[in-house]
């Protein structure tokens, strides 16, 4: 499995873990980003090594071409002095360095391609890490919100029945007290009315008694 396939798999797994709650989502996401950063460090080292290898091969190629030219100059000098065997030997050495240069040249092209591919992969990984960090923050925020909602719902489900009973009991008590107060008020009103009624009745009796006495006195005088 390639690096980026593994990254995609890990991100999908993190989402499932957030939903299922199998692991601490913050730890999972933090570790995922840390693993990706470690991969990036390794890739940067690989890029640096590829570039160093390319530069070293280029130096070897340049050195081989330069040495071949030096032996060619020596061959010319030997011929100018009439030393044909030395000229031939110099050309033989030149041929050796030219062959080395010819061998190194395609390696340089290949190493350039490898370095370019590694750089491209490194750039893609850097972008993936940036996206992963953003997703990490988003998923952690969502996970925390979900966990808070779960805790709130659990708290409500555990405490709400008792709390509602308390309010219901309080309501019943208030209604009872209000009924008692109303009954007491009615009783007080009735007692007062009864008292005044009695006073009125007493006044009527007294008035009637006076009238009766007056009639009897008047009758006795006649």
N, C-alpha and C. Protein backbone atom coordinates (compact mmCIF):
# COMPACT_ATOMS: atom_id res chain seq x y z
N UNK A 1 0.84 -1.19 0.00
CA UNK A 1 0.00 0.00 0.00
C UNK A 1 0.87 1.24 0.00
N UNK A 2 0.56 2.21 -0.90
CA UNK A 2 1.35 3.43 -1.01
C UNK A 2 1.13 4.36 0.17
N UNK A 3 2.00 5.32 0.24
CA UNK A 3 1.95 6.27 1.36
C UNK A 3 0.63 7.02 1.38
N UNK A 4 0.18 7.52 0.22
CA UNK A 4 -1.02 8.34 0.21
C UNK A 4 -2.27 7.49 0.37
N UNK A 5 -2.24 6.23 -0.08
CA UNK A 5 -3.35 5.32 0.19
C UNK A 5 -3.46 5.07 1.69
N UNK A 6 -2.31 4.91 2.33
CA UNK A 6 -2.32 4.68 3.77
C UNK A 6 -2.86 5.90 4.50
N UNK A 7 -2.49 7.09 4.04
CA UNK A 7 -3.00 8.32 4.67
C UNK A 7 -4.52 8.39 4.55
N UNK A 8 -5.04 8.11 3.34
CA UNK A 8 -6.48 8.14 3.15
C UNK A 8 -7.18 7.11 4.03
N UNK A 9 -6.58 5.93 4.13
CA UNK A 9 -7.17 4.88 4.97
C UNK A 9 -7.20 5.31 6.43
N UNK A 10 -6.13 5.93 6.87
CA UNK A 10 -6.06 6.36 8.27
C UNK A 10 -7.10 7.44 8.55
N UNK A 11 -7.26 8.39 7.61
CA UNK A 11 -8.25 9.45 7.80
C UNK A 11 -9.65 8.86 7.88
N UNK A 12 -9.97 7.91 6.98
CA UNK A 12 -11.28 7.27 7.02
C UNK A 12 -11.47 6.50 8.32
N UNK A 13 -10.42 5.84 8.77
CA UNK A 13 -10.50 5.10 10.02
C UNK A 13 -10.75 6.03 11.19
N UNK A 14 -10.15 7.20 11.14
CA UNK A 14 -10.35 8.16 12.22
C UNK A 14 -11.81 8.60 12.30
N UNK A 15 -12.42 8.80 11.14
CA UNK A 15 -13.83 9.18 11.13
C UNK A 15 -14.68 8.09 11.76
N UNK A 16 -14.41 6.83 11.39
CA UNK A 16 -15.16 5.72 11.96
C UNK A 16 -14.95 5.63 13.47
N UNK A 17 -13.74 5.87 13.91
CA UNK A 17 -13.46 5.81 15.33
C UNK A 17 -14.18 6.92 16.08
N UNK A 18 -14.30 8.09 15.45
CA UNK A 18 -15.03 9.18 16.07
C UNK A 18 -16.50 8.80 16.24
N UNK A 19 -17.04 8.14 15.21
CA UNK A 19 -18.45 7.77 15.26
C UNK A 19 -18.67 6.65 16.28
N UNK A 20 -17.82 5.65 16.24
CA UNK A 20 -17.99 4.50 17.11
C UNK A 20 -17.49 4.74 18.52
N UNK A 21 -16.62 5.71 18.69
CA UNK A 21 -16.09 6.00 20.02
C UNK A 21 -15.18 4.91 20.54
N UNK A 22 -14.55 4.14 19.62
CA UNK A 22 -13.71 3.03 20.06
C UNK A 22 -12.42 3.51 20.70
N UNK A 23 -11.94 4.67 20.27
CA UNK A 23 -10.70 5.21 20.80
C UNK A 23 -10.87 6.69 21.07
N UNK A 24 -9.94 7.23 21.82
CA UNK A 24 -9.95 8.66 22.07
C UNK A 24 -9.64 9.37 20.76
N UNK A 25 -10.60 10.11 20.17
CA UNK A 25 -10.38 10.70 18.84
C UNK A 25 -9.24 11.69 18.82
N UNK A 26 -9.06 12.45 19.90
CA UNK A 26 -7.99 13.44 19.90
C UNK A 26 -6.63 12.76 19.82
N UNK A 27 -6.46 11.68 20.59
CA UNK A 27 -5.19 10.97 20.57
C UNK A 27 -4.95 10.32 19.21
N UNK A 28 -6.00 9.77 18.63
CA UNK A 28 -5.86 9.12 17.32
C UNK A 28 -5.44 10.12 16.26
N UNK A 29 -6.12 11.27 16.23
CA UNK A 29 -5.81 12.27 15.21
C UNK A 29 -4.44 12.90 15.43
N UNK A 30 -4.10 13.16 16.69
CA UNK A 30 -2.78 13.72 16.99
C UNK A 30 -1.70 12.76 16.53
N UNK A 31 -1.89 11.46 16.81
CA UNK A 31 -0.89 10.47 16.42
C UNK A 31 -0.81 10.35 14.90
N UNK A 32 -1.95 10.46 14.22
CA UNK A 32 -1.95 10.38 12.76
C UNK A 32 -1.13 11.50 12.15
N UNK A 33 -1.37 12.72 12.61
CA UNK A 33 -0.62 13.86 12.10
C UNK A 33 0.87 13.71 12.44
N UNK A 34 1.16 13.21 13.64
CA UNK A 34 2.56 13.00 14.03
C UNK A 34 3.22 11.98 13.12
N UNK A 35 2.52 10.90 12.79
CA UNK A 35 3.07 9.88 11.87
C UNK A 35 3.34 10.49 10.49
N UNK A 36 2.41 11.32 10.03
CA UNK A 36 2.59 11.95 8.73
C UNK A 36 3.80 12.90 8.75
N UNK A 37 3.98 13.60 9.85
CA UNK A 37 5.13 14.49 9.97
C UNK A 37 6.43 13.69 9.99
N UNK A 38 6.41 12.54 10.65
CA UNK A 38 7.60 11.67 10.63
C UNK A 38 7.88 11.17 9.22
N UNK A 39 6.82 10.83 8.48
CA UNK A 39 6.99 10.43 7.08
C UNK A 39 7.59 11.56 6.26
N UNK A 40 7.15 12.79 6.56
CA UNK A 40 7.67 13.95 5.84
C UNK A 40 9.15 14.14 6.12
N UNK A 41 9.56 13.94 7.38
CA UNK A 41 10.98 14.04 7.72
C UNK A 41 11.78 13.00 6.94
N UNK A 42 11.28 11.78 6.88
CA UNK A 42 11.97 10.71 6.14
C UNK A 42 12.04 11.05 4.66
N UNK A 43 10.96 11.62 4.13
CA UNK A 43 10.95 11.95 2.70
C UNK A 43 11.92 13.09 2.41
N UNK A 44 11.99 14.06 3.30
CA UNK A 44 12.96 15.15 3.10
C UNK A 44 14.38 14.62 3.12
N UNK A 45 14.64 13.67 3.99
CA UNK A 45 15.96 13.06 4.02
C UNK A 45 16.24 12.32 2.72
N UNK A 46 15.22 11.63 2.20
CA UNK A 46 15.39 10.92 0.93
C UNK A 46 15.65 11.89 -0.22
N UNK A 47 14.93 13.02 -0.22
CA UNK A 47 15.15 14.03 -1.26
C UNK A 47 16.56 14.59 -1.17
N UNK A 48 16.97 14.90 0.06
CA UNK A 48 18.32 15.44 0.26
C UNK A 48 19.37 14.45 -0.20
N UNK A 49 19.16 13.18 0.11
CA UNK A 49 20.11 12.14 -0.29
C UNK A 49 20.14 11.98 -1.81
N UNK A 50 18.96 12.03 -2.44
CA UNK A 50 18.90 11.91 -3.90
C UNK A 50 19.62 13.07 -4.58
N UNK A 51 19.41 14.27 -4.06
CA UNK A 51 20.08 15.45 -4.63
C UNK A 51 21.58 15.36 -4.42
N UNK A 52 21.99 14.90 -3.23
CA UNK A 52 23.43 14.77 -2.96
C UNK A 52 24.06 13.74 -3.90
N UNK A 53 23.35 12.62 -4.13
CA UNK A 53 23.86 11.60 -5.05
C UNK A 53 23.97 12.17 -6.46
N UNK A 54 22.96 12.92 -6.87
CA UNK A 54 22.98 13.53 -8.20
C UNK A 54 24.16 14.49 -8.34
N UNK A 55 24.36 15.33 -7.34
CA UNK A 55 25.47 16.29 -7.39
C UNK A 55 26.82 15.57 -7.43
N UNK A 56 26.93 14.50 -6.65
CA UNK A 56 28.19 13.74 -6.64
C UNK A 56 28.45 13.11 -8.00
N UNK A 57 27.42 12.55 -8.60
CA UNK A 57 27.58 11.95 -9.93
C UNK A 57 27.94 13.01 -10.97
N UNK A 58 27.32 14.19 -10.85
CA UNK A 58 27.64 15.28 -11.77
C UNK A 58 29.10 15.71 -11.63
N UNK A 59 29.59 15.75 -10.39
CA UNK A 59 31.00 16.10 -10.18
C UNK A 59 31.92 15.03 -10.77
N UNK A 60 31.55 13.76 -10.61
CA UNK A 60 32.36 12.68 -11.17
C UNK A 60 32.36 12.75 -12.70
N UNK A 61 31.20 13.08 -13.26
CA UNK A 61 31.10 13.21 -14.71
C UNK A 61 31.98 14.36 -15.21
N UNK A 62 31.87 15.49 -14.53
CA UNK A 62 32.67 16.66 -14.93
C UNK A 62 34.17 16.37 -14.80
N UNK A 63 34.51 15.69 -13.72
CA UNK A 63 35.93 15.35 -13.50
C UNK A 63 36.43 14.38 -14.57
N UNK A 64 35.60 13.40 -14.94
CA UNK A 64 36.01 12.44 -15.97
C UNK A 64 36.19 13.15 -17.32
N UNK A 65 35.29 14.05 -17.66
CA UNK A 65 35.42 14.80 -18.91
C UNK A 65 36.67 15.68 -18.90
N UNK A 66 36.93 16.31 -17.75
CA UNK A 66 38.11 17.18 -17.65
C UNK A 66 39.39 16.35 -17.77
N UNK A 67 39.44 15.22 -17.10
CA UNK A 67 40.64 14.37 -17.15
C UNK A 67 40.86 13.82 -18.55
N UNK A 68 39.75 13.46 -19.21
CA UNK A 68 39.85 12.98 -20.60
C UNK A 68 40.45 14.06 -21.49
N UNK A 69 40.05 15.29 -21.29
CA UNK A 69 40.60 16.40 -22.08
C UNK A 69 42.07 16.61 -21.77
N UNK A 70 42.45 16.43 -20.50
CA UNK A 70 43.86 16.58 -20.13
C UNK A 70 44.71 15.52 -20.83
N UNK A 71 44.24 14.26 -20.87
CA UNK A 71 45.00 13.22 -21.54
C UNK A 71 45.04 13.45 -23.06
N UNK A 72 43.99 14.06 -23.59
CA UNK A 72 44.00 14.40 -25.01
C UNK A 72 45.06 15.47 -25.30
N UNK A 73 45.17 16.45 -24.43
CA UNK A 73 46.20 17.48 -24.58
C UNK A 73 47.60 16.88 -24.48
N UNK A 74 47.76 15.91 -23.60
CA UNK A 74 49.06 15.25 -23.46
C UNK A 74 49.41 14.46 -24.72
N UNK A 75 48.38 13.82 -25.27
CA UNK A 75 48.64 13.08 -26.53
C UNK A 75 49.10 14.04 -27.63
N UNK A 76 48.48 15.20 -27.72
CA UNK A 76 48.90 16.19 -28.71
C UNK A 76 50.35 16.64 -28.47
N UNK A 77 50.69 16.86 -27.20
CA UNK A 77 52.04 17.30 -26.85
C UNK A 77 53.07 16.23 -27.21
N UNK A 78 52.73 14.95 -26.94
CA UNK A 78 53.64 13.86 -27.26
C UNK A 78 53.86 13.76 -28.76
N UNK A 79 52.82 13.94 -29.56
CA UNK A 79 52.97 13.89 -31.02
C UNK A 79 53.83 15.05 -31.52
N UNK A 80 53.61 16.22 -30.89
CA UNK A 80 54.41 17.36 -31.29
C UNK A 80 55.91 17.11 -31.07
N UNK A 81 56.19 16.31 -30.06
CA UNK A 81 57.59 15.99 -29.76
C UNK A 81 58.06 14.71 -30.45
N UNK A 82 57.17 14.13 -31.25
CA UNK A 82 57.54 12.94 -31.99
C UNK A 82 57.48 11.67 -31.17
N UNK A 83 56.84 11.72 -30.02
CA UNK A 83 56.75 10.55 -29.16
C UNK A 83 55.39 9.90 -29.38
N UNK A 84 55.32 9.10 -30.43
CA UNK A 84 54.05 8.48 -30.77
C UNK A 84 53.57 7.46 -29.74
N UNK A 85 54.45 6.60 -29.18
CA UNK A 85 53.98 5.65 -28.16
C UNK A 85 53.32 6.35 -26.96
N UNK A 86 53.92 7.46 -26.51
CA UNK A 86 53.35 8.18 -25.38
C UNK A 86 52.00 8.81 -25.77
N UNK A 87 51.95 9.26 -27.03
CA UNK A 87 50.69 9.82 -27.49
C UNK A 87 49.59 8.76 -27.51
N UNK A 88 49.96 7.56 -27.98
CA UNK A 88 48.99 6.47 -28.03
C UNK A 88 48.54 6.07 -26.63
N UNK A 89 49.49 6.02 -25.68
CA UNK A 89 49.15 5.67 -24.30
C UNK A 89 48.23 6.73 -23.69
N UNK A 90 48.50 7.99 -24.01
CA UNK A 90 47.66 9.08 -23.48
C UNK A 90 46.25 8.98 -24.04
N UNK A 91 46.15 8.65 -25.33
CA UNK A 91 44.82 8.51 -25.92
C UNK A 91 44.06 7.32 -25.31
N UNK A 92 44.82 6.27 -24.96
CA UNK A 92 44.18 5.11 -24.31
C UNK A 92 43.60 5.51 -22.96
N UNK A 93 44.37 6.26 -22.18
CA UNK A 93 43.87 6.74 -20.89
C UNK A 93 42.68 7.67 -21.09
N UNK A 94 42.78 8.48 -22.11
CA UNK A 94 41.65 9.39 -22.41
C UNK A 94 40.38 8.60 -22.68
N UNK A 95 40.53 7.52 -23.42
CA UNK A 95 39.37 6.70 -23.76
C UNK A 95 38.72 6.10 -22.51
N UNK A 96 39.54 5.76 -21.53
CA UNK A 96 39.01 5.21 -20.27
C UNK A 96 38.13 6.24 -19.57
N UNK A 97 38.57 7.48 -19.49
CA UNK A 97 37.79 8.52 -18.81
C UNK A 97 36.55 8.91 -19.61
N UNK A 98 36.68 8.86 -20.94
CA UNK A 98 35.49 9.15 -21.76
C UNK A 98 34.41 8.09 -21.54
N UNK A 99 34.85 6.83 -21.40
CA UNK A 99 33.90 5.76 -21.14
C UNK A 99 33.23 5.93 -19.78
N UNK A 100 34.03 6.36 -18.80
CA UNK A 100 33.46 6.63 -17.47
C UNK A 100 32.41 7.74 -17.55
N UNK A 101 32.71 8.80 -18.29
CA UNK A 101 31.78 9.91 -18.46
C UNK A 101 30.50 9.46 -19.16
N UNK A 102 30.66 8.61 -20.17
CA UNK A 102 29.49 8.10 -20.88
C UNK A 102 28.60 7.24 -19.97
N UNK A 103 29.23 6.52 -19.05
CA UNK A 103 28.47 5.69 -18.11
C UNK A 103 27.73 6.56 -17.09
N UNK A 104 28.37 7.64 -16.68
CA UNK A 104 27.79 8.51 -15.65
C UNK A 104 26.67 9.39 -16.19
N UNK A 105 26.71 9.73 -17.46
CA UNK A 105 25.74 10.69 -18.01
C UNK A 105 24.29 10.22 -17.89
N UNK A 106 23.94 8.98 -18.27
CA UNK A 106 22.54 8.54 -18.09
C UNK A 106 22.14 8.41 -16.62
N UNK A 107 23.13 8.11 -15.78
CA UNK A 107 22.84 8.04 -14.35
C UNK A 107 22.40 9.40 -13.81
N UNK A 108 23.03 10.43 -14.33
CA UNK A 108 22.66 11.79 -13.90
C UNK A 108 21.21 12.09 -14.27
N UNK A 109 20.82 11.73 -15.51
CA UNK A 109 19.44 11.95 -15.94
C UNK A 109 18.45 11.17 -15.06
N UNK A 110 18.82 9.93 -14.77
CA UNK A 110 17.95 9.09 -13.94
C UNK A 110 17.83 9.66 -12.52
N UNK A 111 18.94 10.09 -11.96
CA UNK A 111 18.92 10.65 -10.61
C UNK A 111 18.14 11.96 -10.55
N UNK A 112 18.20 12.75 -11.60
CA UNK A 112 17.40 13.98 -11.66
C UNK A 112 15.90 13.65 -11.62
N UNK A 113 15.51 12.61 -12.37
CA UNK A 113 14.10 12.21 -12.37
C UNK A 113 13.66 11.71 -11.00
N UNK A 114 14.54 10.93 -10.36
CA UNK A 114 14.21 10.43 -9.02
C UNK A 114 14.05 11.58 -8.04
N UNK A 115 14.99 12.53 -8.08
CA UNK A 115 14.93 13.68 -7.17
C UNK A 115 13.67 14.51 -7.43
N UNK A 116 13.33 14.69 -8.71
CA UNK A 116 12.14 15.47 -9.05
C UNK A 116 10.87 14.77 -8.55
N UNK A 117 10.82 13.43 -8.69
CA UNK A 117 9.66 12.68 -8.23
C UNK A 117 9.53 12.74 -6.71
N UNK A 118 10.67 12.61 -6.02
CA UNK A 118 10.65 12.70 -4.57
C UNK A 118 10.20 14.08 -4.10
N UNK A 119 10.65 15.13 -4.80
CA UNK A 119 10.23 16.49 -4.45
C UNK A 119 8.73 16.64 -4.63
N UNK A 120 8.21 16.08 -5.74
CA UNK A 120 6.77 16.17 -5.99
C UNK A 120 5.98 15.44 -4.91
N UNK A 121 6.46 14.23 -4.55
CA UNK A 121 5.79 13.48 -3.48
C UNK A 121 5.86 14.23 -2.15
N UNK A 122 6.99 14.87 -1.90
CA UNK A 122 7.13 15.63 -0.67
C UNK A 122 6.16 16.80 -0.64
N UNK A 123 6.00 17.46 -1.78
CA UNK A 123 5.04 18.55 -1.85
C UNK A 123 3.62 18.07 -1.61
N UNK A 124 3.27 16.90 -2.19
CA UNK A 124 1.95 16.34 -1.97
C UNK A 124 1.74 15.98 -0.51
N UNK A 125 2.77 15.42 0.11
CA UNK A 125 2.65 15.05 1.51
C UNK A 125 2.49 16.29 2.39
N UNK A 126 3.23 17.35 2.07
CA UNK A 126 3.09 18.60 2.83
C UNK A 126 1.66 19.13 2.73
N UNK A 127 1.08 19.03 1.53
CA UNK A 127 -0.30 19.48 1.35
C UNK A 127 -1.25 18.59 2.15
N UNK A 128 -1.00 17.27 2.13
CA UNK A 128 -1.84 16.34 2.89
C UNK A 128 -1.76 16.64 4.38
N UNK A 129 -0.57 16.95 4.86
CA UNK A 129 -0.41 17.26 6.28
C UNK A 129 -1.18 18.52 6.63
N UNK A 130 -1.11 19.53 5.75
CA UNK A 130 -1.86 20.76 5.99
C UNK A 130 -3.36 20.48 6.04
N UNK A 131 -3.84 19.65 5.11
CA UNK A 131 -5.26 19.29 5.11
C UNK A 131 -5.60 18.47 6.35
N UNK A 132 -4.70 17.57 6.73
CA UNK A 132 -4.95 16.72 7.89
C UNK A 132 -5.03 17.54 9.17
N UNK A 133 -4.18 18.56 9.28
CA UNK A 133 -4.24 19.42 10.46
C UNK A 133 -5.58 20.14 10.54
N UNK A 134 -6.05 20.64 9.39
CA UNK A 134 -7.34 21.32 9.38
C UNK A 134 -8.45 20.35 9.74
N UNK A 135 -8.42 19.15 9.15
CA UNK A 135 -9.43 18.14 9.45
C UNK A 135 -9.33 17.70 10.90
N UNK A 136 -8.12 17.61 11.40
CA UNK A 136 -7.93 17.20 12.79
C UNK A 136 -8.63 18.17 13.73
N UNK A 137 -8.39 19.46 13.52
CA UNK A 137 -9.03 20.47 14.37
C UNK A 137 -10.55 20.40 14.25
N UNK A 138 -11.03 20.18 13.02
CA UNK A 138 -12.48 20.11 12.81
C UNK A 138 -13.06 18.89 13.50
N UNK A 139 -12.41 17.72 13.33
CA UNK A 139 -12.93 16.49 13.93
C UNK A 139 -12.86 16.54 15.45
N UNK A 140 -11.78 17.13 15.98
CA UNK A 140 -11.67 17.24 17.43
C UNK A 140 -12.78 18.13 17.98
N UNK A 141 -13.04 19.25 17.29
CA UNK A 141 -14.11 20.14 17.74
C UNK A 141 -15.46 19.43 17.68
N UNK A 142 -15.68 18.67 16.60
CA UNK A 142 -16.94 17.92 16.49
C UNK A 142 -17.04 16.84 17.55
N UNK A 143 -15.92 16.18 17.81
CA UNK A 143 -15.92 15.12 18.82
C UNK A 143 -16.21 15.69 20.20
N UNK A 144 -15.58 16.81 20.51
CA UNK A 144 -15.82 17.43 21.82
C UNK A 144 -17.27 17.87 21.95
N UNK A 145 -17.83 18.44 20.87
CA UNK A 145 -19.23 18.87 20.91
C UNK A 145 -20.15 17.66 21.10
N UNK A 146 -19.83 16.56 20.39
CA UNK A 146 -20.64 15.35 20.52
C UNK A 146 -20.55 14.78 21.93
N UNK A 147 -19.34 14.74 22.48
CA UNK A 147 -19.17 14.23 23.83
C UNK A 147 -19.90 15.10 24.84
N UNK A 148 -19.86 16.42 24.66
CA UNK A 148 -20.57 17.32 25.56
C UNK A 148 -22.07 17.08 25.47
N UNK A 149 -22.58 16.86 24.25
CA UNK A 149 -24.00 16.59 24.08
C UNK A 149 -24.40 15.29 24.76
N UNK A 150 -23.52 14.29 24.62
CA UNK A 150 -23.81 13.00 25.26
C UNK A 150 -23.87 13.16 26.78
N UNK A 151 -22.86 13.87 27.33
CA UNK A 151 -22.85 14.06 28.78
C UNK A 151 -24.06 14.86 29.24
N UNK A 152 -24.45 15.88 28.46
CA UNK A 152 -25.62 16.69 28.82
C UNK A 152 -26.89 15.85 28.78
N UNK A 153 -27.03 15.04 27.73
CA UNK A 153 -28.21 14.19 27.63
C UNK A 153 -28.26 13.17 28.76
N UNK A 154 -27.11 12.61 29.09
CA UNK A 154 -27.07 11.66 30.20
C UNK A 154 -27.44 12.34 31.51
N UNK A 155 -26.93 13.56 31.71
CA UNK A 155 -27.24 14.28 32.94
C UNK A 155 -28.73 14.59 33.02
N UNK A 156 -29.31 15.00 31.87
CA UNK A 156 -30.74 15.31 31.87
C UNK A 156 -31.56 14.06 32.12
N UNK A 157 -31.16 12.95 31.47
CA UNK A 157 -31.93 11.71 31.63
C UNK A 157 -31.85 11.18 33.05
N UNK A 158 -30.74 11.42 33.72
CA UNK A 158 -30.58 10.94 35.10
C UNK A 158 -31.26 11.85 36.12
N UNK A 159 -31.17 13.14 35.89
CA UNK A 159 -31.62 14.09 36.90
C UNK A 159 -32.99 14.68 36.62
N UNK A 160 -33.42 14.63 35.38
CA UNK A 160 -34.68 15.28 35.03
C UNK A 160 -35.88 14.70 35.77
N UNK A 161 -36.03 13.35 35.88
CA UNK A 161 -37.20 12.83 36.59
C UNK A 161 -37.30 13.35 38.01
N UNK A 162 -36.21 13.31 38.76
CA UNK A 162 -36.22 13.82 40.12
C UNK A 162 -36.51 15.30 40.15
N UNK A 163 -35.92 16.03 39.23
CA UNK A 163 -36.13 17.46 39.19
C UNK A 163 -37.58 17.79 38.88
N UNK A 164 -38.19 17.08 37.94
CA UNK A 164 -39.58 17.32 37.60
C UNK A 164 -40.49 16.96 38.76
N UNK A 165 -40.16 15.89 39.46
CA UNK A 165 -40.96 15.51 40.63
C UNK A 165 -40.92 16.60 41.67
N UNK A 166 -39.75 17.18 41.86
CA UNK A 166 -39.63 18.25 42.84
C UNK A 166 -40.52 19.43 42.46
N UNK A 167 -40.52 19.77 41.16
CA UNK A 167 -41.36 20.88 40.72
C UNK A 167 -42.84 20.53 40.84
N UNK A 168 -43.16 19.28 40.51
CA UNK A 168 -44.55 18.86 40.65
C UNK A 168 -45.00 18.90 42.10
N UNK A 169 -44.13 18.43 42.99
CA UNK A 169 -44.45 18.47 44.42
C UNK A 169 -44.62 19.90 44.90
N UNK A 170 -43.74 20.77 44.43
CA UNK A 170 -43.84 22.18 44.82
C UNK A 170 -45.14 22.78 44.31
N UNK A 171 -45.51 22.44 43.09
CA UNK A 171 -46.76 22.97 42.54
C UNK A 171 -47.96 22.50 43.36
N UNK A 172 -47.95 21.22 43.74
CA UNK A 172 -49.04 20.69 44.54
C UNK A 172 -49.11 21.38 45.89
N UNK A 173 -47.95 21.61 46.48
CA UNK A 173 -47.91 22.27 47.79
C UNK A 173 -48.43 23.70 47.70
N UNK A 174 -48.03 24.41 46.63
CA UNK A 174 -48.49 25.79 46.44
C UNK A 174 -50.00 25.82 46.26
N UNK A 175 -50.51 24.91 45.43
CA UNK A 175 -51.96 24.86 45.23
C UNK A 175 -52.69 24.56 46.54
N UNK A 176 -52.11 23.67 47.34
CA UNK A 176 -52.72 23.32 48.63
C UNK A 176 -52.75 24.54 49.56
N UNK A 177 -51.60 25.25 49.60
CA UNK A 177 -51.54 26.45 50.45
C UNK A 177 -52.51 27.52 49.97
N UNK A 178 -52.60 27.68 48.64
CA UNK A 178 -53.56 28.65 48.11
C UNK A 178 -55.00 28.27 48.47
N UNK A 179 -55.30 26.97 48.42
CA UNK A 179 -56.65 26.51 48.78
C UNK A 179 -56.94 26.77 50.25
N UNK A 180 -55.94 26.50 51.09
CA UNK A 180 -56.11 26.76 52.52
C UNK A 180 -56.34 28.24 52.79
N UNK A 181 -55.54 29.07 52.11
CA UNK A 181 -55.69 30.51 52.30
C UNK A 181 -57.07 30.97 51.87
N UNK A 182 -57.55 30.43 50.74
CA UNK A 182 -58.87 30.81 50.25
C UNK A 182 -59.96 30.35 51.20
N UNK A 183 -59.80 29.12 51.73
CA UNK A 183 -60.79 28.61 52.68
C UNK A 183 -60.82 29.44 53.95
N UNK A 184 -59.62 29.81 54.42
CA UNK A 184 -59.54 30.64 55.63
C UNK A 184 -60.19 31.98 55.41
N UNK A 185 -59.97 32.57 54.22
CA UNK A 185 -60.57 33.86 53.91
C UNK A 185 -62.09 33.75 53.89
N UNK A 186 -62.57 32.65 53.27
CA UNK A 186 -64.03 32.47 53.21
C UNK A 186 -64.61 32.28 54.61
N UNK A 187 -63.89 31.49 55.43
CA UNK A 187 -64.37 31.24 56.80
C UNK A 187 -64.40 32.53 57.60
N UNK A 188 -63.38 33.35 57.42
CA UNK A 188 -63.34 34.63 58.14
C UNK A 188 -64.48 35.52 57.70
N UNK A 189 -64.76 35.55 56.45
CA UNK A 189 -65.86 36.36 55.92
C UNK A 189 -67.20 35.89 56.46
N UNK A 190 -67.39 34.58 56.48
CA UNK A 190 -68.65 34.01 57.00
C UNK A 190 -68.84 34.36 58.47
N UNK A 191 -67.79 34.26 59.25
CA UNK A 191 -67.89 34.57 60.69
C UNK A 191 -68.26 36.03 60.91
N UNK A 192 -67.66 36.90 60.12
CA UNK A 192 -67.95 38.33 60.26
C UNK A 192 -69.39 38.63 59.87
N UNK A 193 -69.83 38.03 58.77
CA UNK A 193 -71.20 38.22 58.34
C UNK A 193 -72.19 37.69 59.37
N UNK A 194 -71.83 36.53 59.97
CA UNK A 194 -72.68 35.93 60.99
C UNK A 194 -72.80 36.85 62.21
N UNK A 195 -71.65 37.46 62.57
CA UNK A 195 -71.64 38.37 63.71
C UNK A 195 -72.55 39.57 63.46
N UNK A 196 -72.39 40.17 62.29
CA UNK A 196 -73.24 41.32 61.97
C UNK A 196 -74.70 40.92 61.86
N UNK A 197 -74.92 39.73 61.35
CA UNK A 197 -76.31 39.25 61.26
C UNK A 197 -76.92 39.10 62.64
N UNK A 198 -76.14 38.57 63.54
CA UNK A 198 -76.62 38.42 64.92
C UNK A 198 -76.92 39.78 65.55
N UNK A 199 -76.03 40.75 65.29
CA UNK A 199 -76.23 42.09 65.83
C UNK A 199 -77.52 42.71 65.29
N UNK A 200 -77.72 42.52 63.99
CA UNK A 200 -78.95 43.04 63.38
C UNK A 200 -80.18 42.39 63.99
N UNK A 201 -80.11 41.08 64.15
CA UNK A 201 -81.24 40.35 64.75
C UNK A 201 -81.51 40.83 66.18
N UNK A 202 -80.46 41.06 66.90
CA UNK A 202 -80.60 41.52 68.29
C UNK A 202 -81.25 42.90 68.32
N UNK A 203 -80.84 43.75 67.39
CA UNK A 203 -81.45 45.08 67.31
C UNK A 203 -82.94 44.96 67.01
N UNK A 204 -83.32 44.05 66.13
CA UNK A 204 -84.73 43.85 65.80
C UNK A 204 -85.52 43.38 67.02
N UNK A 205 -84.94 42.46 67.76
CA UNK A 205 -85.61 41.94 68.97
C UNK A 205 -85.80 43.06 69.99
N UNK A 206 -84.75 43.83 70.21
CA UNK A 206 -84.82 44.93 71.17
C UNK A 206 -85.87 45.95 70.74
N UNK A 207 -85.92 46.24 69.45
CA UNK A 207 -86.91 47.20 68.94
C UNK A 207 -88.32 46.67 69.13
N UNK A 208 -88.47 45.39 68.82
CA UNK A 208 -89.78 44.79 69.00
C UNK A 208 -90.21 44.78 70.48
N UNK A 209 -89.25 44.57 71.39
CA UNK A 209 -89.54 44.56 72.82
C UNK A 209 -90.00 45.96 73.27
N UNK A 210 -89.36 46.98 72.79
CA UNK A 210 -89.74 48.35 73.15
C UNK A 210 -91.15 48.69 72.63
N UNK A 211 -91.41 48.25 71.41
CA UNK A 211 -92.74 48.48 70.86
C UNK A 211 -93.82 47.78 71.69
N UNK A 212 -93.50 46.54 72.10
CA UNK A 212 -94.46 45.77 72.91
C UNK A 212 -94.71 46.46 74.26
N UNK A 213 -93.66 46.92 74.89
CA UNK A 213 -93.80 47.61 76.17
C UNK A 213 -94.64 48.89 76.00
N UNK A 214 -94.39 49.58 74.93
CA UNK A 214 -95.15 50.82 74.69
C UNK A 214 -96.64 50.54 74.51
N UNK A 215 -96.94 49.48 73.78
CA UNK A 215 -98.33 49.11 73.58
C UNK A 215 -98.99 48.74 74.90
N UNK A 216 -98.28 47.98 75.73
CA UNK A 216 -98.86 47.54 77.00
C UNK A 216 -99.08 48.74 77.94
N UNK A 217 -98.17 49.66 77.98
CA UNK A 217 -98.34 50.84 78.81
C UNK A 217 -99.53 51.66 78.34
N UNK A 218 -99.63 51.80 77.04
CA UNK A 218 -100.72 52.57 76.47
C UNK A 218 -102.04 51.90 76.78
N UNK A 219 -102.09 50.59 76.72
CA UNK A 219 -103.30 49.83 76.98
C UNK A 219 -103.69 49.95 78.45
N UNK A 220 -102.72 49.95 79.34
CA UNK A 220 -103.00 50.02 80.78
C UNK A 220 -103.54 51.42 81.16
N UNK A 221 -103.10 52.40 80.47
CA UNK A 221 -103.59 53.76 80.75
C UNK A 221 -105.02 53.97 80.28
N UNK A 222 -105.37 53.26 79.29
CA UNK A 222 -106.75 53.39 78.80
C UNK A 222 -107.67 52.54 79.63
